[in-house]
Amino acid sequence: MTEVSGGGYGRDYFFDRKAFLVFLILILLLMGDIF
């Protein structure tokens, strides 16, 4: 994950993907509740 020297970008990218996955799961749960 840390291809860029320093590791800062890789870490931020990992957390962004993690937050995106959580957001996607929440949307799926909300859609399940609505429909």
PDB file of N, CA and C in Angstrom:
ATOM      1  N   MET A   1       0.830  -1.198   0.000  1.00  0.00           N
ATOM      2  CA  MET A   1       0.000   0.000   0.000  1.00  0.00           C
ATOM      3  C   MET A   1       0.868   1.253   0.000  1.00  0.00           C
ATOM      4  N   THR A   2       2.025   1.181   0.680  1.00  0.00           N
ATOM      5  CA  THR A   2       2.869   2.379   0.807  1.00  0.00           C
ATOM      6  C   THR A   2       3.906   2.381  -0.313  1.00  0.00           C
ATOM      7  N   GLU A   3       3.453   2.657  -1.544  1.00  0.00           N
ATOM      8  CA  GLU A   3       4.379   2.707  -2.667  1.00  0.00           C
ATOM      9  C   GLU A   3       5.150   4.025  -2.668  1.00  0.00           C
ATOM     10  N   VAL A   4       4.507   5.099  -2.240  1.00  0.00           N
ATOM     11  CA  VAL A   4       5.177   6.397  -2.201  1.00  0.00           C
ATOM     12  C   VAL A   4       6.114   6.435  -0.997  1.00  0.00           C
ATOM     13  N   SER A   5       7.319   6.959  -1.184  1.00  0.00           N
ATOM     14  CA  SER A   5       8.281   7.032  -0.086  1.00  0.00           C
ATOM     15  C   SER A   5       7.741   7.911   1.034  1.00  0.00           C
ATOM     16  N   GLY A   6       7.800   7.427   2.269  1.00  0.00           N
ATOM     17  CA  GLY A   6       7.276   8.183   3.405  1.00  0.00           C
ATOM     18  C   GLY A   6       6.093   7.455   4.016  1.00  0.00           C
ATOM     19  N   GLY A   7       5.225   6.873   3.174  1.00  0.00           N
ATOM     20  CA  GLY A   7       4.113   6.095   3.703  1.00  0.00           C
ATOM     21  C   GLY A   7       2.908   6.939   4.055  1.00  0.00           C
ATOM     22  N   GLY A   8       3.019   8.260   4.020  1.00  0.00           N
ATOM     23  CA  GLY A   8       1.878   9.104   4.402  1.00  0.00           C
ATOM     24  C   GLY A   8       0.735   8.966   3.420  1.00  0.00           C
ATOM     25  N   TYR A   9       1.076   8.991   2.124  1.00  0.00           N
ATOM     26  CA  TYR A   9       0.027   8.907   1.102  1.00  0.00           C
ATOM     27  C   TYR A   9      -0.663   7.545   1.154  1.00  0.00           C
ATOM     28  N   GLY A  10       0.138   6.471   1.316  1.00  0.00           N
ATOM     29  CA  GLY A  10      -0.448   5.137   1.352  1.00  0.00           C
ATOM     30  C   GLY A  10      -1.394   4.980   2.524  1.00  0.00           C
ATOM     31  N   ARG A  11      -1.005   5.546   3.666  1.00  0.00           N
ATOM     32  CA  ARG A  11      -1.855   5.424   4.848  1.00  0.00           C
ATOM     33  C   ARG A  11      -3.160   6.191   4.639  1.00  0.00           C
ATOM     34  N   ASP A  12      -3.074   7.401   4.110  1.00  0.00           N
ATOM     35  CA  ASP A  12      -4.286   8.181   3.870  1.00  0.00           C
ATOM     36  C   ASP A  12      -5.175   7.464   2.863  1.00  0.00           C
ATOM     37  N   TYR A  13      -4.568   6.889   1.820  1.00  0.00           N
ATOM     38  CA  TYR A  13      -5.333   6.179   0.801  1.00  0.00           C
ATOM     39  C   TYR A  13      -6.058   4.985   1.422  1.00  0.00           C
ATOM     40  N   PHE A  14      -5.395   4.270   2.320  1.00  0.00           N
ATOM     41  CA  PHE A  14      -6.007   3.117   2.973  1.00  0.00           C
ATOM     42  C   PHE A  14      -7.203   3.548   3.801  1.00  0.00           C
ATOM     43  N   PHE A  15      -7.047   4.641   4.559  1.00  0.00           N
ATOM     44  CA  PHE A  15      -8.150   5.101   5.400  1.00  0.00           C
ATOM     45  C   PHE A  15      -9.298   5.620   4.542  1.00  0.00           C
ATOM     46  N   ASP A  16      -8.974   6.254   3.401  1.00  0.00           N
ATOM     47  CA  ASP A  16     -10.033   6.730   2.515  1.00  0.00           C
ATOM     48  C   ASP A  16     -10.832   5.552   1.972  1.00  0.00           C
ATOM     49  N   ARG A  17     -10.143   4.497   1.573  1.00  0.00           N
ATOM     50  CA  ARG A  17     -10.858   3.319   1.055  1.00  0.00           C
ATOM     51  C   ARG A  17     -11.698   2.688   2.157  1.00  0.00           C
ATOM     52  N   LYS A  18     -11.158   2.635   3.384  1.00  0.00           N
ATOM     53  CA  LYS A  18     -11.901   2.040   4.494  1.00  0.00           C
ATOM     54  C   LYS A  18     -13.165   2.841   4.764  1.00  0.00           C
ATOM     55  N   ALA A  19     -13.035   4.176   4.772  1.00  0.00           N
ATOM     56  CA  ALA A  19     -14.197   5.029   5.009  1.00  0.00           C
ATOM     57  C   ALA A  19     -15.206   4.858   3.878  1.00  0.00           C
ATOM     58  N   PHE A  20     -14.725   4.713   2.650  1.00  0.00           N
ATOM     59  CA  PHE A  20     -15.626   4.534   1.510  1.00  0.00           C
ATOM     60  C   PHE A  20     -16.394   3.224   1.636  1.00  0.00           C
ATOM     61  N   LEU A  21     -15.722   2.157   2.069  1.00  0.00           N
ATOM     62  CA  LEU A  21     -16.399   0.872   2.230  1.00  0.00           C
ATOM     63  C   LEU A  21     -17.471   0.963   3.303  1.00  0.00           C
ATOM     64  N   VAL A  22     -17.159   1.632   4.421  1.00  0.00           N
ATOM     65  CA  VAL A  22     -18.150   1.788   5.495  1.00  0.00           C
ATOM     66  C   VAL A  22     -19.337   2.594   4.982  1.00  0.00           C
ATOM     67  N   PHE A  23     -19.068   3.658   4.223  1.00  0.00           N
ATOM     68  CA  PHE A  23     -20.133   4.493   3.672  1.00  0.00           C
ATOM     69  C   PHE A  23     -21.008   3.682   2.717  1.00  0.00           C
ATOM     70  N   LEU A  24     -20.381   2.837   1.897  1.00  0.00           N
ATOM     71  CA  LEU A  24     -21.130   2.014   0.955  1.00  0.00           C
ATOM     72  C   LEU A  24     -22.020   1.023   1.698  1.00  0.00           C
ATOM     73  N   ILE A  25     -21.510   0.419   2.766  1.00  0.00           N
ATOM     74  CA  ILE A  25     -22.302  -0.528   3.554  1.00  0.00           C
ATOM     75  C   ILE A  25     -23.489   0.180   4.194  1.00  0.00           C
ATOM     76  N   LEU A  26     -23.266   1.397   4.701  1.00  0.00           N
ATOM     77  CA  LEU A  26     -24.368   2.148   5.303  1.00  0.00           C
ATOM     78  C   LEU A  26     -25.438   2.442   4.264  1.00  0.00           C
ATOM     79  N   ILE A  27     -25.037   2.793   3.050  1.00  0.00           N
ATOM     80  CA  ILE A  27     -26.015   3.061   1.989  1.00  0.00           C
ATOM     81  C   ILE A  27     -26.813   1.799   1.682  1.00  0.00           C
ATOM     82  N   LEU A  28     -26.136   0.659   1.611  1.00  0.00           N
ATOM     83  CA  LEU A  28     -26.841  -0.590   1.325  1.00  0.00           C
ATOM     84  C   LEU A  28     -27.831  -0.911   2.437  1.00  0.00           C
ATOM     85  N   LEU A  29     -27.449  -0.673   3.691  1.00  0.00           N
ATOM     86  CA  LEU A  29     -28.358  -0.928   4.805  1.00  0.00           C
ATOM     87  C   LEU A  29     -29.562  -0.004   4.736  1.00  0.00           C
ATOM     88  N   LEU A  30     -29.330   1.275   4.413  1.00  0.00           N
ATOM     89  CA  LEU A  30     -30.442   2.225   4.307  1.00  0.00           C
ATOM     90  C   LEU A  30     -31.371   1.824   3.166  1.00  0.00           C
ATOM     91  N   MET A  31     -30.816   1.403   2.041  1.00  0.00           N
ATOM     92  CA  MET A  31     -31.646   0.965   0.919  1.00  0.00           C
ATOM     93  C   MET A  31     -32.455  -0.256   1.318  1.00  0.00           C
ATOM     94  N   GLY A  32     -31.845  -1.151   2.087  1.00  0.00           N
ATOM     95  CA  GLY A  32     -32.563  -2.334   2.543  1.00  0.00           C
ATOM     96  C   GLY A  32     -33.719  -1.958   3.453  1.00  0.00           C
ATOM     97  N   ASP A  33     -33.515  -0.920   4.282  1.00  0.00           N
ATOM     98  CA  ASP A  33     -34.584  -0.484   5.179  1.00  0.00           C
ATOM     99  C   ASP A  33     -35.695   0.212   4.402  1.00  0.00           C
ATOM    100  N   ILE A  34     -35.317   1.015   3.398  1.00  0.00           N
ATOM    101  CA  ILE A  34     -36.324   1.749   2.628  1.00  0.00           C
ATOM    102  C   ILE A  34     -37.163   0.782   1.799  1.00  0.00           C
ATOM    103  N   PHE A  35     -36.480  -0.092   1.037  1.00  0.00           N
ATOM    104  CA  PHE A  35     -37.222  -1.029   0.194  1.00  0.00           C
ATOM    105  C   PHE A  35     -37.557  -2.276   0.988  1.00  0.00           C
TER     106      PHE A  35
END
